[in-house]
């Protein structure tokens, strides 16, 4: 898939993490990402107004995540959607995978022991791609080839804005409180490990 990609898609720039590149390793970035993926899972397995409402929720959570990103990090994430996300979407399609199987995988992402700094587009690419196929057929692909961001294309297809004044209420529909608790607990565990390592290798005896 990557072999043919340069002929079909824009050539993006850097995809390596730099300034602000730890966003998706932190509590807030991970929380909004997992909510976005859960909303996308709901959208691709729903129909009618339920699908459109879940899609609007995904855009709401994506907008909140994007608002936390440094400009360089936002550009990097957009580049990853092109370099890795669209090829991953293509692989899901070529393998004949169903929306149900993708949704099941999306709903497990918050328990996956991986680094989301680089892996994020392997999930956002297929999720947005499947949803756009459902809502717009093949029409969205021309906009993507011209460099439009996947969330921007989805917003255009929906023709409506997210529930911008109901962020916390919409998050609770997707288990937002549980995700926040889990992410806070992760921060505590990680801090304890780092403190232990600093004591062992930096501030404590070295002989």
Protein backbone atom coordinates (compact mmCIF):
# COMPACT_ATOMS: atom_id res chain seq x y z
CA UNK A 1 0.00 0.00 0.00
CA UNK A 2 2.80 2.41 0.88
CA UNK A 3 4.40 1.72 -2.52
CA UNK A 4 1.51 3.36 -4.37
CA UNK A 5 0.74 6.00 -1.76
CA UNK A 6 3.03 8.77 -3.11
CA UNK A 7 1.16 8.66 -6.41
CA UNK A 8 -2.24 9.08 -4.76
CA UNK A 9 -1.80 11.33 -1.72
CA UNK A 10 -0.03 14.58 -0.82
CA UNK A 11 3.53 14.20 0.43
CA UNK A 12 3.42 15.25 4.08
CA UNK A 13 6.32 16.52 6.11
CA UNK A 14 7.80 15.40 9.38
CA UNK A 15 6.13 12.64 11.41
CA UNK A 16 8.66 12.48 14.26
CA UNK A 17 7.68 13.88 17.63
CA UNK A 18 9.16 17.24 18.56
CA UNK A 19 7.78 20.16 20.54
CA UNK A 20 4.68 19.01 22.41
CA UNK A 21 5.14 15.48 21.10
CA UNK A 22 4.25 13.98 24.47
CA UNK A 23 0.61 15.09 24.22
CA UNK A 24 -0.69 11.57 23.58
CA UNK A 25 1.39 10.19 26.42
CA UNK A 26 -0.29 12.49 28.91
CA UNK A 27 -3.55 12.31 30.81
CA UNK A 28 -5.53 14.91 28.87
CA UNK A 29 -4.38 13.91 25.40
CA UNK A 30 -5.06 10.23 25.99
CA UNK A 31 -8.45 10.92 27.59
CA UNK A 32 -9.78 12.91 24.64
CA UNK A 33 -8.30 10.47 22.15
CA UNK A 34 -10.04 7.48 23.74
CA UNK A 35 -13.34 9.38 23.85
CA UNK A 36 -12.92 10.28 20.18
CA UNK A 37 -12.30 6.64 19.26
CA UNK A 38 -15.29 5.43 21.28
CA UNK A 39 -17.53 7.96 19.57
CA UNK A 40 -16.21 6.86 16.18
CA UNK A 41 -16.90 3.23 17.11
CA UNK A 42 -20.49 4.15 17.95
CA UNK A 43 -20.87 6.14 14.75
CA UNK A 44 -19.69 3.40 12.38
CA UNK A 45 -22.04 0.85 13.96
CA UNK A 46 -25.11 3.12 14.07
CA UNK A 47 -27.50 4.55 11.51
CA UNK A 48 -29.46 7.74 10.92
CA UNK A 49 -29.43 10.42 13.60
CA UNK A 50 -27.56 8.16 16.04
CA UNK A 51 -24.67 7.90 13.58
CA UNK A 52 -24.58 11.60 12.90
CA UNK A 53 -24.75 12.50 16.60
CA UNK A 54 -21.90 10.14 17.44
CA UNK A 55 -19.89 11.58 14.54
CA UNK A 56 -20.46 15.07 15.91
CA UNK A 57 -19.28 13.84 19.32
CA UNK A 58 -16.10 12.46 17.76
CA UNK A 59 -15.44 15.87 16.21
CA UNK A 60 -16.09 17.55 19.55
CA UNK A 61 -13.55 15.34 21.32
CA UNK A 62 -11.07 15.71 18.44
CA UNK A 63 -11.38 19.50 18.60
CA UNK A 64 -10.67 19.41 22.34
CA UNK A 65 -7.62 17.21 21.75
CA UNK A 66 -6.39 19.44 18.93
CA UNK A 67 -6.76 22.51 21.14
CA UNK A 68 -4.17 21.04 23.52
CA UNK A 69 -1.61 20.39 20.77
CA UNK A 70 1.31 22.65 19.97
CA UNK A 71 1.29 23.81 16.32
CA UNK A 72 4.16 21.47 15.41
CA UNK A 73 2.42 18.52 17.07
CA UNK A 74 -0.88 19.24 15.32
CA UNK A 75 0.90 19.27 11.97
CA UNK A 76 2.69 16.01 12.83
CA UNK A 77 -0.58 14.29 13.71
CA UNK A 78 -2.14 15.44 10.45
CA UNK A 79 0.91 14.10 8.61
CA UNK A 80 0.54 10.74 10.36
CA UNK A 81 -3.07 10.48 9.21
CA UNK A 82 -1.79 10.64 5.63
CA UNK A 83 1.39 8.56 6.01
CA UNK A 84 -0.04 5.79 8.19
CA UNK A 85 -3.76 6.36 8.74
CA UNK A 86 -4.97 6.15 5.16
CA UNK A 87 -2.82 3.10 4.32
CA UNK A 88 -4.14 1.40 7.46
CA UNK A 89 -7.70 2.24 6.41
CA UNK A 90 -6.94 0.78 2.97
CA UNK A 91 -5.65 -2.41 4.58
CA UNK A 92 -8.83 -2.80 6.62
CA UNK A 93 -10.87 -2.35 3.44
CA UNK A 94 -8.78 -4.73 1.34
CA UNK A 95 -8.99 -7.40 4.02
CA UNK A 96 -12.80 -7.24 3.92
CA UNK A 97 -13.06 -6.27 7.59
CA UNK A 98 -16.45 -5.14 8.84
CA UNK A 99 -17.41 -1.98 10.67
CA UNK A 100 -18.34 -4.15 13.65
CA UNK A 101 -14.85 -5.64 13.89
CA UNK A 102 -13.22 -2.23 13.63
CA UNK A 103 -15.57 -0.81 16.26
CA UNK A 104 -14.78 -3.68 18.63
CA UNK A 105 -11.08 -2.92 18.27
CA UNK A 106 -11.63 0.82 18.77
CA UNK A 107 -13.49 0.19 22.03
CA UNK A 108 -10.47 -1.70 23.40
CA UNK A 109 -7.90 0.96 22.63
CA UNK A 110 -7.86 2.48 26.12
CA UNK A 111 -6.56 -0.83 27.51
CA UNK A 112 -3.82 -1.35 24.89
CA UNK A 113 -0.27 -1.19 26.36
CA UNK A 114 1.16 0.83 23.46
CA UNK A 115 2.53 4.32 22.91
CA UNK A 116 -0.07 6.50 21.23
CA UNK A 117 2.48 9.13 20.26
CA UNK A 118 3.09 7.24 17.01
CA UNK A 119 0.29 4.66 16.93
CA UNK A 120 -2.64 7.10 16.95
CA UNK A 121 -3.20 7.22 13.18
CA UNK A 122 -3.43 3.44 12.88
CA UNK A 123 -6.80 3.84 14.56
CA UNK A 124 -8.01 7.30 13.58
CA UNK A 125 -7.33 6.63 9.88
CA UNK A 126 -9.53 3.52 9.57
CA UNK A 127 -12.21 4.96 11.88
CA UNK A 128 -12.66 8.20 9.96
CA UNK A 129 -12.33 6.38 6.65
CA UNK A 130 -15.08 3.86 7.44
CA UNK A 131 -17.37 6.61 8.73
CA UNK A 132 -16.81 8.81 5.70
CA UNK A 133 -17.52 5.85 3.42
CA UNK A 134 -20.85 5.40 5.18
CA UNK A 135 -21.79 9.07 5.03
CA UNK A 136 -20.30 10.18 1.70
CA UNK A 137 -19.40 7.14 -0.38
CA UNK A 138 -16.26 7.79 -2.43
CA UNK A 139 -16.74 11.56 -2.63
CA UNK A 140 -14.59 12.37 0.41
CA UNK A 141 -11.43 10.88 -1.09
CA UNK A 142 -10.86 13.72 -3.55
CA UNK A 143 -10.79 16.22 -0.69
CA UNK A 144 -8.36 14.00 1.20
CA UNK A 145 -6.07 13.72 -1.82
CA UNK A 146 -6.02 17.51 -1.98
CA UNK A 147 -4.75 17.69 1.60
CA UNK A 148 -7.92 18.26 3.65
CA UNK A 149 -7.82 16.98 7.24
CA UNK A 150 -10.05 13.99 8.03
CA UNK A 151 -11.98 15.84 10.78
CA UNK A 152 -12.51 18.79 8.44
CA UNK A 153 -13.87 16.51 5.72
CA UNK A 154 -16.22 14.85 8.22
CA UNK A 155 -17.47 18.22 9.49
CA UNK A 156 -18.17 19.30 5.91
CA UNK A 157 -20.06 16.08 5.18
CA UNK A 158 -22.14 16.45 8.34
CA UNK A 159 -22.86 20.08 7.57
CA UNK A 160 -23.31 20.85 11.26
CA UNK A 161 -21.21 21.81 14.26
CA UNK A 162 -20.41 19.66 17.31
CA UNK A 163 -22.18 20.00 20.65
CA UNK A 164 -19.72 22.68 21.68
CA UNK A 165 -21.42 23.66 24.94
CA UNK A 166 -21.96 20.12 26.22
CA UNK A 167 -18.44 18.72 26.39
CA UNK A 168 -18.63 16.96 29.76
CA UNK A 169 -22.19 15.75 29.22
CA UNK A 170 -21.31 14.26 25.86
CA UNK A 171 -18.15 12.67 27.29
CA UNK A 172 -20.17 10.86 29.95
CA UNK A 173 -22.13 9.09 27.20
CA UNK A 174 -18.91 7.27 26.27
CA UNK A 175 -17.64 6.43 29.73
CA UNK A 176 -15.70 9.64 30.15
CA UNK A 177 -15.64 9.49 33.94
CA UNK A 178 -14.18 5.97 33.95
CA UNK A 179 -11.56 6.92 31.36
CA UNK A 180 -10.51 9.94 33.40
CA UNK A 181 -10.16 7.83 36.56
CA UNK A 182 -8.06 5.27 34.73
CA UNK A 183 -5.81 7.92 33.22
CA UNK A 184 -5.30 9.64 36.58
CA UNK A 185 -4.39 6.31 38.15
CA UNK A 186 -1.92 5.75 35.31
CA UNK A 187 -0.27 9.09 36.06
CA UNK A 188 0.08 8.16 39.74
CA UNK A 189 1.63 4.78 38.91
CA UNK A 190 4.00 6.31 36.37
CA UNK A 191 5.09 9.04 38.79
CA UNK A 192 5.85 6.44 41.44
CA UNK A 193 7.97 4.42 39.00
CA UNK A 194 9.87 7.50 37.82
CA UNK A 195 10.49 8.66 41.40
CA UNK A 196 11.79 5.21 42.28
CA UNK A 197 14.15 5.20 39.29
CA UNK A 198 15.44 8.70 40.06
CA UNK A 199 16.15 7.65 43.63
CA UNK A 200 17.90 4.50 42.49
CA UNK A 201 19.99 5.91 39.68
CA UNK A 202 20.28 9.69 40.27
CA UNK A 203 19.77 10.97 43.80
CA UNK A 204 20.55 7.78 45.74
CA UNK A 205 23.83 5.95 46.30
CA UNK A 206 25.47 4.86 43.06
CA UNK A 207 27.99 2.37 44.49
